[in-house]
Amino acid sequence: MADRIEVTGPTDRSARGEPTPLADVVALAGSGADPVAVPAATSIGITSVAGAISGVQRVIGSVVDSAADAASGGVRAATRRLRDAPRTTDDWGRDPELVRNAMLLAQLRWDVETGGAEHLPRRAGALIVVNSSRLAATALFTAFAISEAVDRPVRFVGRRTTPLLSAFDQRVGGLLAHPDELAGALRADELVVLTAEPQIGTRRAGAIDHVLVGAALATRSRVHPAAASSRPLARRARVEIGTATRPPRVRRGPLSELELADRLRDDIGDLLAEMGDIGTGTPLDWLPLSGMGAH
């Protein structure tokens, strides 16, 4: 056949048992060569590419395993509990297995030290109100850190509105910012984190939604102030939980909610003043000195 293209290089490689390079495979495909002339070694080249992909997957798997090995005892204990448990979600859509995986990843981002966990009830529900700063994801890392410290699920108020992000928030413990949903969780003896309005920096607390605080009053749940200190580009963070803020005893209704919200804001400010600044402003802030929940 006059227009037949002789394939010598790849054929020679095939005879020697060597895989056909991917570039040669592409060149043959674009040349219009008779398929009979394309050696069977082409499949060997494709197999080599698949082998390289498998190697990359093994490397990624080893990184995840290393992160799991470096995880603190609380996360490893949660992993053991979940290993034999069925994959389920609770009444609010929280997925324990996803939370455990998210906590593993969170340990790569944050190195959180948690204090004051002994102030929280062991079994009853409570609202934990914490200051927040912009770009710090305070609600998430606070809920994860407290959850590990007390070995209980901890939820947070403030599911995002974007459908995909809202679904993710729900599965890691996010609740709608609605007093009815918050009251339902507190009645079910859940611990819930509520953040104040974000501020620039972490040295003061922003305004607190008194309507949501009213859900704790309605369910007679304890309300704890908490101070969080972190920086957007730093790894180290700290969460300090205070004793329960006393609710007003005389007033009832919206005024009592406002008064409790003001007391909480003052108590958070006091915790922030006592805690000081944990960041050094140097690369030392990224060293794993304590670990999330390393108590």
Protein backbone atom coordinates (compact mmCIF):
# COMPACT_ATOMS: atom_id res chain seq x y z
CA MET A 1 0.00 0.00 0.00
CA ALA A 2 1.66 3.26 -1.23
CA ASP A 3 0.30 5.57 1.42
CA ARG A 4 1.07 3.22 4.29
CA ILE A 5 3.14 4.89 7.00
CA GLU A 6 5.91 2.77 8.36
CA VAL A 7 6.11 2.90 12.13
CA THR A 8 9.65 2.10 13.17
CA GLY A 9 10.41 3.88 16.49
CA PRO A 10 7.49 2.64 18.52
CA THR A 11 7.66 -0.79 16.85
CA ASP A 12 11.30 -1.09 17.84
CA ARG A 13 10.40 -0.14 21.39
CA SER A 14 7.63 -2.71 21.35
CA ALA A 15 10.07 -5.39 20.22
CA ARG A 16 12.32 -4.49 23.12
CA GLY A 17 9.36 -4.56 25.52
CA GLU A 18 9.54 -0.83 26.24
CA PRO A 19 6.36 1.28 26.66
CA THR A 20 5.42 3.65 23.88
CA PRO A 21 5.82 7.30 24.98
CA LEU A 22 2.56 9.24 25.14
CA ALA A 23 3.88 11.79 22.62
CA ASP A 24 4.39 9.02 20.03
CA VAL A 25 0.86 7.78 20.62
CA VAL A 26 -0.53 11.25 19.97
CA ALA A 27 1.65 11.64 16.84
CA LEU A 28 0.43 8.33 15.44
CA ALA A 29 -3.19 9.23 16.10
CA GLY A 30 -2.81 12.53 14.21
CA SER A 31 -0.84 11.09 11.29
CA GLY A 32 -3.65 8.99 9.85
CA ALA A 33 -1.53 5.85 10.06
CA ASP A 34 -3.12 2.47 9.46
CA PRO A 35 -4.30 1.22 12.86
CA VAL A 36 -2.66 -2.12 12.07
CA ALA A 37 0.68 -0.38 12.04
CA VAL A 38 0.18 1.02 15.56
CA PRO A 39 1.86 -1.47 17.88
CA ALA A 40 0.20 -3.08 20.79
CA ALA A 41 2.78 -1.34 22.93
CA THR A 42 0.49 1.72 22.83
CA SER A 43 -1.62 0.09 25.50
CA ILE A 44 1.51 -0.29 27.58
CA GLY A 45 2.07 3.48 27.39
CA ILE A 46 -1.49 4.16 28.55
CA THR A 47 -0.96 1.69 31.36
CA SER A 48 2.12 3.64 32.39
CA VAL A 49 0.08 6.87 32.59
CA ALA A 50 -2.51 5.09 34.72
CA GLY A 51 0.27 3.84 36.94
CA ALA A 52 1.57 7.38 37.41
CA ILE A 53 -1.91 8.56 38.41
CA SER A 54 -2.14 5.72 40.91
CA GLY A 55 1.19 6.82 42.33
CA VAL A 56 -0.10 10.35 42.84
CA GLN A 57 -3.18 8.96 44.58
CA ARG A 58 -0.95 6.94 46.89
CA VAL A 59 1.02 10.07 47.77
CA ILE A 60 -2.20 11.97 48.58
CA GLY A 61 -3.39 9.04 50.64
CA SER A 62 -0.14 9.01 52.62
CA VAL A 63 -0.52 12.75 53.34
CA VAL A 64 -4.04 12.20 54.69
CA ASP A 65 -2.81 9.28 56.77
CA SER A 66 -0.01 11.44 58.16
CA ALA A 67 -2.53 14.12 59.11
CA ALA A 68 -4.64 11.50 60.85
CA ASP A 69 -1.57 10.18 62.71
CA ALA A 70 -0.69 13.71 63.83
CA ALA A 71 -4.23 14.41 65.01
CA SER A 72 -4.84 14.92 68.68
CA GLY A 73 -6.27 12.25 70.92
CA GLY A 74 -9.80 13.68 70.83
CA VAL A 75 -10.07 13.39 67.04
CA ARG A 76 -8.55 9.90 67.05
CA ALA A 77 -11.06 8.84 69.69
CA ALA A 78 -13.89 10.22 67.58
CA THR A 79 -12.51 8.30 64.61
CA ARG A 80 -12.57 5.05 66.56
CA ARG A 81 -16.16 5.65 67.64
CA LEU A 82 -17.27 6.36 64.10
CA ARG A 83 -15.47 3.43 62.52
CA ASP A 84 -18.15 0.95 63.53
CA ALA A 85 -21.10 3.35 63.46
CA PRO A 86 -23.48 3.59 60.49
CA ARG A 87 -23.32 6.67 58.27
CA THR A 88 -26.20 8.78 59.58
CA THR A 89 -27.21 12.39 60.11
CA ASP A 90 -29.08 13.73 63.11
CA ASP A 91 -32.29 15.74 63.30
CA TRP A 92 -30.50 18.92 62.19
CA GLY A 93 -28.54 17.26 59.37
CA ARG A 94 -25.16 17.00 61.11
CA ASP A 95 -22.95 14.23 59.69
CA PRO A 96 -20.54 12.95 62.40
CA GLU A 97 -18.16 11.36 59.88
CA LEU A 98 -17.93 14.54 57.83
CA VAL A 99 -17.36 16.54 61.00
CA ARG A 100 -14.51 14.23 61.96
CA ASN A 101 -12.89 14.65 58.54
CA ALA A 102 -13.39 18.42 58.68
CA MET A 103 -11.75 18.50 62.12
CA LEU A 104 -8.72 16.68 60.71
CA LEU A 105 -8.39 19.31 57.98
CA ALA A 106 -9.01 22.12 60.47
CA GLN A 107 -5.99 20.98 62.46
CA LEU A 108 -3.84 21.74 59.41
CA ARG A 109 -5.20 25.31 59.35
CA TRP A 110 -5.63 26.16 63.04
CA ASP A 111 -3.66 25.34 66.16
CA VAL A 112 -6.33 26.05 68.79
CA GLU A 113 -5.85 26.10 72.54
CA THR A 114 -9.11 25.80 74.48
CA GLY A 115 -9.62 26.93 78.06
CA GLY A 116 -12.57 27.05 80.42
CA ALA A 117 -14.30 23.95 79.02
CA GLU A 118 -15.01 22.85 82.60
CA HIS A 119 -17.55 25.69 82.87
CA LEU A 120 -19.87 24.05 80.34
CA PRO A 121 -22.59 21.60 81.41
CA ARG A 122 -21.76 17.94 80.88
CA ARG A 123 -25.13 16.93 79.44
CA ALA A 124 -27.49 19.92 79.35
CA GLY A 125 -27.71 22.39 76.51
CA ALA A 126 -26.03 25.79 76.56
CA LEU A 127 -25.46 28.79 74.31
CA ILE A 128 -21.85 29.93 73.88
CA VAL A 129 -21.53 33.50 72.60
CA VAL A 130 -18.12 34.41 71.19
CA ASN A 131 -16.58 37.45 69.54
CA SER A 132 -15.54 37.16 65.92
CA SER A 133 -13.29 38.93 63.46
CA ARG A 134 -13.52 39.20 59.71
CA LEU A 135 -12.04 36.37 57.59
CA ALA A 136 -11.39 34.22 60.66
CA ALA A 137 -14.18 31.56 60.44
CA THR A 138 -14.56 31.94 64.21
CA ALA A 139 -17.81 29.98 64.51
CA LEU A 140 -16.34 26.94 62.79
CA PHE A 141 -13.01 26.64 64.60
CA THR A 142 -14.64 27.51 67.94
CA ALA A 143 -17.26 24.77 67.52
CA PHE A 144 -14.63 22.23 66.50
CA ALA A 145 -12.27 23.15 69.34
CA ILE A 146 -14.96 23.03 72.03
CA SER A 147 -16.38 19.80 70.61
CA GLU A 148 -13.03 18.11 71.02
CA ALA A 149 -12.43 19.60 74.46
CA VAL A 150 -15.75 18.38 75.92
CA ASP A 151 -16.17 15.30 73.70
CA ARG A 152 -19.67 16.35 72.64
CA PRO A 153 -21.18 17.57 69.39
CA VAL A 154 -21.14 21.36 69.21
CA ARG A 155 -23.23 23.27 66.69
CA PHE A 156 -22.97 26.84 65.48
CA VAL A 157 -25.53 29.42 64.37
CA GLY A 158 -25.20 30.95 60.94
CA ARG A 159 -25.62 28.67 57.95
CA ARG A 160 -24.66 30.54 54.79
CA THR A 161 -27.27 31.34 52.15
CA THR A 162 -25.55 29.92 49.07
CA PRO A 163 -27.17 26.49 48.47
CA LEU A 164 -23.93 24.48 48.28
CA LEU A 165 -22.32 26.23 51.25
CA SER A 166 -25.55 26.03 53.23
CA ALA A 167 -25.68 22.26 52.71
CA PHE A 168 -22.06 21.92 53.84
CA ASP A 169 -22.65 24.09 56.92
CA GLN A 170 -25.65 21.99 57.89
CA ARG A 171 -23.67 18.75 57.67
CA VAL A 172 -20.88 20.09 59.89
CA GLY A 173 -23.31 21.37 62.54
CA GLY A 174 -24.60 24.69 61.24
CA LEU A 175 -28.02 25.95 62.31
CA LEU A 176 -30.23 28.59 60.77
CA ALA A 177 -30.01 32.00 62.44
CA HIS A 178 -33.61 31.67 63.62
CA PRO A 179 -34.73 31.61 67.27
CA ASP A 180 -37.04 28.64 66.76
CA GLU A 181 -34.27 26.39 65.42
CA LEU A 182 -31.88 27.55 68.12
CA ALA A 183 -34.49 26.96 70.83
CA GLY A 184 -35.12 23.46 69.48
CA ALA A 185 -31.43 22.58 69.69
CA LEU A 186 -31.14 23.95 73.23
CA ARG A 187 -34.21 22.00 74.34
CA ALA A 188 -32.52 18.89 72.93
CA ASP A 189 -29.54 19.57 75.26
CA GLU A 190 -27.20 20.68 72.50
CA LEU A 191 -24.22 23.00 72.83
CA VAL A 192 -24.46 25.84 70.32
CA VAL A 193 -21.95 28.56 69.38
CA LEU A 194 -23.27 32.01 68.46
CA THR A 195 -20.90 34.69 67.16
CA ALA A 196 -21.20 38.40 67.73
CA GLU A 197 -21.03 40.81 64.81
CA PRO A 198 -17.56 40.58 63.20
CA GLN A 199 -15.08 43.27 64.12
CA ILE A 200 -11.74 44.30 62.68
CA GLY A 201 -9.25 42.59 64.94
CA THR A 202 -10.06 40.47 67.99
CA ARG A 203 -9.77 42.89 70.90
CA ARG A 204 -13.47 43.70 71.24
CA ALA A 205 -16.87 42.10 70.78
CA GLY A 206 -19.43 43.34 68.29
CA ALA A 207 -23.18 43.58 68.70
CA ILE A 208 -24.99 40.39 69.77
CA ASP A 209 -28.35 39.40 68.28
CA HIS A 210 -30.67 39.78 71.26
CA VAL A 211 -33.45 37.84 69.52
CA LEU A 212 -31.27 34.74 69.35
CA VAL A 213 -30.16 35.27 72.94
CA GLY A 214 -33.87 35.30 73.78
CA ALA A 215 -34.08 31.67 72.64
CA ALA A 216 -31.79 30.74 75.53
CA LEU A 217 -33.95 32.68 77.96
CA ALA A 218 -37.09 30.98 76.63
CA THR A 219 -35.58 27.52 77.18
CA ARG A 220 -33.91 28.47 80.49
CA SER A 221 -30.56 27.46 79.05
CA ARG A 222 -27.25 28.71 80.38
CA VAL A 223 -25.45 31.34 78.30
CA HIS A 224 -21.65 31.45 78.41
CA PRO A 225 -19.39 34.20 77.10
CA ALA A 226 -16.33 33.08 75.18
CA ALA A 227 -13.34 34.94 73.79
CA ALA A 228 -11.59 33.87 70.59
CA SER A 229 -8.23 35.20 69.52
CA SER A 230 -6.88 34.50 66.04
CA ARG A 231 -5.39 36.17 62.98
CA PRO A 232 -6.37 35.58 59.33
CA LEU A 233 -2.83 34.62 58.26
CA ALA A 234 -1.67 33.00 61.50
CA ARG A 235 -2.13 29.41 62.59
CA ARG A 236 -2.35 29.79 66.34
CA ALA A 237 -5.72 30.54 67.91
CA ARG A 238 -7.23 30.41 71.35
CA VAL A 239 -10.74 30.02 72.75
CA GLU A 240 -11.46 30.87 76.39
CA ILE A 241 -14.88 30.05 77.84
CA GLY A 242 -16.16 31.99 80.83
CA THR A 243 -18.66 31.16 83.53
CA ALA A 244 -22.34 31.52 82.66
CA THR A 245 -23.62 35.09 82.45
CA ARG A 246 -26.44 35.71 84.89
CA PRO A 247 -29.75 36.49 83.18
CA PRO A 248 -31.85 39.42 84.39
CA ARG A 249 -34.28 38.45 87.13
CA VAL A 250 -36.74 41.31 87.06
CA ARG A 251 -37.43 42.12 83.44
CA ARG A 252 -39.14 39.84 80.97
CA GLY A 253 -39.59 40.06 77.20
CA PRO A 254 -37.45 42.01 74.72
CA LEU A 255 -35.86 44.19 77.43
CA SER A 256 -34.49 41.13 79.21
CA GLU A 257 -33.00 39.89 75.93
CA LEU A 258 -31.31 43.25 75.34
CA GLU A 259 -29.97 43.39 78.88
CA LEU A 260 -28.53 39.87 78.66
CA ALA A 261 -26.93 40.66 75.29
CA ASP A 262 -25.28 43.74 76.80
CA ARG A 263 -24.00 41.74 79.78
CA LEU A 264 -22.57 39.12 77.45
CA ARG A 265 -20.77 41.76 75.42
CA ASP A 266 -19.18 43.15 78.59
CA ASP A 267 -18.18 39.69 79.82
CA ILE A 268 -16.59 38.85 76.44
CA GLY A 269 -14.66 42.11 76.61
CA ASP A 270 -13.33 41.16 80.04
CA LEU A 271 -12.24 37.74 78.78
CA LEU A 272 -10.44 39.34 75.84
CA ALA A 273 -8.63 41.74 78.15
CA GLU A 274 -7.52 38.89 80.40
CA MET A 275 -6.47 36.67 77.53
CA GLY A 276 -4.18 39.17 75.82
CA ASP A 277 -2.67 38.63 72.37
CA ILE A 278 -1.36 35.14 71.59
CA GLY A 279 0.22 35.98 68.24
CA THR A 280 3.88 36.86 67.87
CA GLY A 281 3.56 38.17 64.33
CA THR A 282 6.36 35.87 63.20
CA PRO A 283 6.50 32.49 61.41
CA LEU A 284 6.62 30.92 64.90
CA ASP A 285 2.83 31.32 64.96
CA TRP A 286 2.63 28.45 62.46
CA LEU A 287 4.51 25.95 64.62
CA PRO A 288 2.28 23.19 66.09
CA LEU A 289 3.05 24.11 69.70
CA SER A 290 -0.23 23.07 71.28
CA GLY A 291 -2.59 21.59 68.72
CA MET A 292 -6.35 21.86 68.54
CA GLY A 293 -7.56 20.52 71.84
CA ALA A 294 -4.15 19.46 73.12
CA HIS A 295 -5.13 19.74 76.79
